[in-house]
Protein backbone atom coordinates (compact mmCIF):
# COMPACT_ATOMS: atom_id res chain seq x y z
CA MET A 1 18.82 4.42 -8.29
CA ARG A 2 20.89 1.99 -10.31
CA ALA A 3 23.63 3.63 -12.33
CA GLY A 4 22.77 4.31 -15.95
CA PHE A 5 18.99 4.29 -15.53
CA PRO A 6 16.65 7.27 -15.22
CA GLY A 7 15.16 7.77 -11.77
CA PHE A 8 11.63 6.81 -10.93
CA ARG A 9 8.93 9.45 -10.77
CA LEU A 10 7.10 8.36 -7.66
CA GLY A 11 3.70 9.62 -6.69
CA SER A 12 1.15 8.85 -4.03
CA VAL A 13 -1.16 6.88 -6.37
CA LEU A 14 0.17 3.46 -7.31
CA ALA A 15 -1.59 2.97 -10.66
CA THR A 16 -0.79 6.40 -12.11
CA SER A 17 2.76 6.25 -10.75
CA PHE A 18 3.11 2.97 -12.61
CA THR A 19 2.04 4.60 -15.88
CA GLY A 20 4.81 7.14 -15.19
CA THR A 21 7.41 4.43 -15.78
CA LEU A 22 7.15 5.61 -19.38
CA SER A 23 7.38 9.38 -19.42
CA GLU A 24 7.52 12.06 -22.09
CA ARG A 25 5.21 9.92 -24.21
CA ARG A 26 4.79 12.68 -26.82
CA GLY A 27 8.42 13.78 -26.85
CA ASP A 28 11.59 11.78 -26.44
CA ALA A 29 10.04 8.92 -24.47
CA VAL A 30 11.89 7.83 -21.33
CA GLU A 31 11.50 4.16 -20.40
CA ARG A 32 12.09 3.83 -16.67
CA ILE A 33 11.70 0.04 -16.52
CA PRO A 34 13.86 -1.06 -19.48
CA THR A 35 14.95 -4.33 -17.84
CA PRO A 36 13.33 -6.94 -15.62
CA GLN A 37 15.56 -5.83 -12.71
CA ARG A 38 14.34 -2.23 -13.02
CA LEU A 39 10.76 -3.49 -12.73
CA VAL A 40 11.80 -5.35 -9.57
CA ASP A 41 13.36 -2.11 -8.29
CA TRP A 42 10.19 -0.12 -9.00
CA LEU A 43 7.94 -2.71 -7.37
CA VAL A 44 10.11 -2.86 -4.24
CA VAL A 45 10.20 0.94 -3.93
CA ASN A 46 6.39 0.83 -4.04
CA GLY A 47 6.01 -1.81 -1.34
CA LEU A 48 5.48 -4.77 -3.64
CA ASP A 49 8.50 -6.85 -2.66
CA VAL A 50 9.53 -9.26 -5.38
CA GLU A 51 12.97 -10.79 -5.80
CA SER A 52 13.09 -11.47 -9.51
CA CYS A 53 11.34 -10.87 -12.79
CA THR A 54 11.49 -12.50 -16.21
CA GLU A 55 11.34 -10.83 -19.63
CA ALA A 56 7.83 -12.28 -20.04
CA GLN A 57 6.71 -10.71 -16.75
CA LEU A 58 8.22 -7.39 -17.82
CA GLU A 59 6.13 -7.56 -20.99
CA LEU A 60 2.99 -8.26 -18.91
CA ALA A 61 3.84 -5.23 -16.80
CA ARG A 62 4.29 -2.99 -19.82
CA GLU A 63 1.02 -4.25 -21.31
CA LEU A 64 -0.75 -3.39 -18.04
CA ARG A 65 0.96 0.01 -17.88
CA GLU A 66 -0.23 0.91 -21.36
CA ALA A 67 -3.75 -0.37 -20.65
CA ILE A 68 -3.99 1.75 -17.50
CA HIS A 69 -2.65 4.77 -19.37
CA ALA A 70 -5.17 4.31 -22.21
CA ALA A 71 -8.09 3.89 -19.83
CA ALA A 72 -7.02 6.78 -17.58
CA THR A 73 -6.54 9.04 -20.60
CA ALA A 74 -10.02 8.18 -21.86
CA ALA A 75 -11.51 8.77 -18.40
CA ALA A 76 -9.72 12.11 -18.05
CA MET A 77 -11.14 13.16 -21.43
CA GLN A 78 -14.59 11.87 -20.41
CA GLU A 79 -14.59 9.30 -23.20
CA ALA A 80 -15.60 5.65 -23.13
CA LEU A 81 -12.92 3.37 -21.72
CA PRO A 82 -11.25 1.33 -24.48
CA ALA A 83 -12.48 -2.27 -24.27
CA PRO A 84 -9.03 -3.84 -24.89
CA ALA A 85 -7.55 -1.79 -22.04
CA VAL A 86 -10.37 -2.75 -19.68
CA GLU A 87 -9.84 -6.41 -20.61
CA VAL A 88 -6.11 -6.26 -19.79
CA ILE A 89 -6.71 -4.46 -16.49
CA ASN A 90 -9.40 -6.94 -15.46
CA HIS A 91 -7.27 -9.93 -16.45
CA ARG A 92 -4.23 -8.72 -14.51
CA SER A 93 -6.42 -7.98 -11.49
CA SER A 94 -7.94 -11.47 -11.54
CA GLU A 95 -4.54 -13.16 -11.92
CA GLY A 96 -3.09 -11.59 -8.77
CA ARG A 97 -3.16 -13.42 -5.44
CA ALA A 98 -1.80 -10.71 -3.17
CA VAL A 99 -3.31 -10.29 0.25
CA ALA A 100 -3.57 -7.04 2.19
CA VAL A 101 -2.07 -7.37 5.69
CA LEU A 102 -2.02 -4.98 8.61
CA THR A 103 1.29 -4.21 10.30
CA PRO A 104 1.56 -3.67 14.07
CA GLU A 105 2.06 0.04 13.25
CA GLY A 106 -1.35 0.16 11.59
CA ASP A 107 -0.11 0.30 7.99
CA ARG A 108 -1.41 -1.79 5.11
CA ARG A 109 1.18 -3.88 3.28
CA TRP A 110 0.86 -6.43 0.52
CA ARG A 111 1.83 -10.07 0.99
CA LEU A 112 2.55 -11.70 -2.35
CA SER A 113 2.13 -15.44 -2.87
CA SER A 114 5.85 -15.90 -3.54
CA PRO A 115 9.08 -13.86 -3.79
CA ASP A 116 8.80 -13.95 -7.59
CA GLY A 117 5.12 -12.97 -7.52
CA VAL A 118 5.29 -10.29 -10.20
CA GLU A 119 1.80 -11.29 -11.35
CA ASP A 120 0.55 -10.71 -7.77
CA ALA A 121 2.14 -7.25 -7.76
CA LEU A 122 0.58 -6.46 -11.14
CA GLY A 123 -2.77 -7.58 -9.71
CA VAL A 124 -2.41 -5.01 -6.92
CA ILE A 125 -1.62 -2.28 -9.47
CA ALA A 126 -4.57 -3.33 -11.65
CA ALA A 127 -6.92 -3.31 -8.64
CA ASP A 128 -5.71 0.19 -7.76
CA ALA A 129 -6.41 1.29 -11.34
CA ILE A 130 -9.90 -0.19 -11.13
CA SER A 131 -10.65 1.77 -7.96
CA ILE A 132 -9.55 4.99 -9.65
CA LEU A 133 -11.32 4.36 -12.95
CA ALA A 134 -14.52 3.34 -11.16
CA GLY A 135 -14.50 6.65 -9.29
CA GLU A 136 -14.04 5.04 -5.87
CA ARG A 137 -11.09 7.24 -4.95
CA ASP A 138 -11.28 10.89 -3.97
CA GLY A 139 -9.96 12.87 -6.90
CA LYS A 140 -10.35 13.45 -10.61
CA LEU A 141 -8.32 11.88 -13.39
CA ALA A 142 -6.48 14.54 -15.38
CA LEU A 143 -3.77 14.77 -18.02
CA CYS A 144 -0.52 16.66 -17.59
CA ALA A 145 -0.61 20.00 -19.39
CA SER A 146 2.91 19.48 -20.72
CA PRO A 147 2.58 18.88 -24.48
CA THR A 148 5.37 16.30 -24.41
CA CYS A 149 4.24 14.46 -21.29
CA ARG A 150 0.43 14.11 -21.16
CA ALA A 151 0.71 11.67 -18.24
CA ALA A 152 -2.50 10.70 -16.50
CA PHE A 153 -2.67 11.54 -12.80
CA LEU A 154 -5.24 11.62 -10.03
CA ASP A 155 -5.84 15.24 -9.08
CA THR A 156 -6.63 15.30 -5.38
CA SER A 157 -6.16 19.04 -4.96
CA GLN A 158 -9.03 20.82 -3.25
CA SER A 159 -10.00 22.73 -6.41
CA ARG A 160 -9.32 19.80 -8.79
CA THR A 161 -7.43 22.19 -11.10
CA ARG A 162 -3.89 20.77 -10.90
CA ARG A 163 -2.19 21.06 -14.30
CA TRP A 164 1.02 19.04 -14.00
CA CYS A 165 1.70 15.39 -13.25
CA ASP A 166 4.69 16.59 -11.23
CA MET A 167 5.43 20.21 -10.40
CA ASN A 168 9.15 19.46 -9.99
CA THR A 169 9.51 18.19 -13.54
CA CYS A 170 6.77 19.15 -16.00
CA GLY A 171 5.56 22.19 -14.08
CA ASN A 172 9.03 23.65 -13.63
CA ARG A 173 9.95 22.93 -17.25
CA GLN A 174 6.87 24.75 -18.53
CA LYS A 175 7.33 27.71 -16.17
CA LYS A 176 10.99 27.99 -17.19
CA ALA A 177 10.06 27.90 -20.89
CA ARG A 178 7.45 30.63 -20.33
CA PHE A 179 9.96 32.73 -18.37
CA ASN A 180 12.60 32.35 -21.11
CA ALA A 181 10.08 33.27 -23.82
CA ASN A 182 9.10 36.39 -21.88
CA GLN A 183 12.79 37.30 -21.41
CA ARG A 184 13.43 37.00 -25.17
CA LYS A 185 10.29 39.03 -25.94
CA ASN A 186 11.35 41.80 -23.53
CA SER A 187 14.97 41.97 -24.77
């Protein structure tokens, strides 16, 4: 992590992890990609190796992030997907020219068209969002139960009853608050 910036909240699902680059949306929002270099850092950590990013590309990324969040929130609430969000996701997906490649170890990696292929990386993220929103992935879209977070996540638990986007942050915070409230009530 670069000094002075909040850490990334990484998950196993690319698209919903990307929406987590803005957390605590209903509280004191935390922007985890405030600069083009932080977007580069996030992409690299997630296997989308780019070397540089412009302010304009950062804005495209934020637009995609918010479109995915809006669509995932609507899907989790079983509402119609917002047309503007769908348009942004589809456009970013169609602009990308990344190619899936197989490593000798049997892993899938992404080959971008150039080292500054931020648009290619955003295309991969958009395609991942499409697979989730279209119901092609095992799991159910849900919203974090934290009243300040409300992040969208793909619940892949067996019972599909997961409540928190991340047990180590939102889940622990809520459990601690409940414990403290019970302590005060019992004192």
